[in-house]
Amino acid sequence: VLLGLLSIWNVSFLGYPAR
């Protein structure tokens, strides 16, 4: 769950999926 949320906010914040 947390990883999913992180991926989402990373896309919004950084602009790309940073795993």
C-alpha atoms as a PDB file:
ATOM      1  CA  VAL A   1       0.000   0.000   0.000  1.00  0.00           C
ATOM      2  CA  LEU A   2       2.683   2.469   1.052  1.00  0.00           C
ATOM      3  CA  LEU A   3       4.762   1.622  -2.006  1.00  0.00           C
ATOM      4  CA  GLY A   4       1.761   2.302  -4.225  1.00  0.00           C
ATOM      5  CA  LEU A   5       1.144   5.678  -2.593  1.00  0.00           C
ATOM      6  CA  LEU A   6       4.831   6.555  -2.874  1.00  0.00           C
ATOM      7  CA  SER A   7       4.812   5.697  -6.573  1.00  0.00           C
ATOM      8  CA  ILE A   8       1.750   7.913  -7.079  1.00  0.00           C
ATOM      9  CA  TRP A   9       3.122  10.953  -5.239  1.00  0.00           C
ATOM     10  CA  ASN A  10       6.501  10.430  -6.861  1.00  0.00           C
ATOM     11  CA  VAL A  11       4.860  10.678 -10.286  1.00  0.00           C
ATOM     12  CA  SER A  12       3.071  13.842  -9.205  1.00  0.00           C
ATOM     13  CA  PHE A  13       6.055  15.393  -7.411  1.00  0.00           C
ATOM     14  CA  LEU A  14       9.028  14.272  -9.473  1.00  0.00           C
ATOM     15  CA  GLY A  15       7.089  13.727 -12.675  1.00  0.00           C
ATOM     16  CA  TYR A  16       8.198  10.139 -13.110  1.00  0.00           C
ATOM     17  CA  PRO A  17       7.732   6.844 -11.236  1.00  0.00           C
ATOM     18  CA  ALA A  18      10.733   6.730  -8.890  1.00  0.00           C
ATOM     19  CA  ARG A  19      10.694   3.367  -7.175  1.00  0.00           C
END
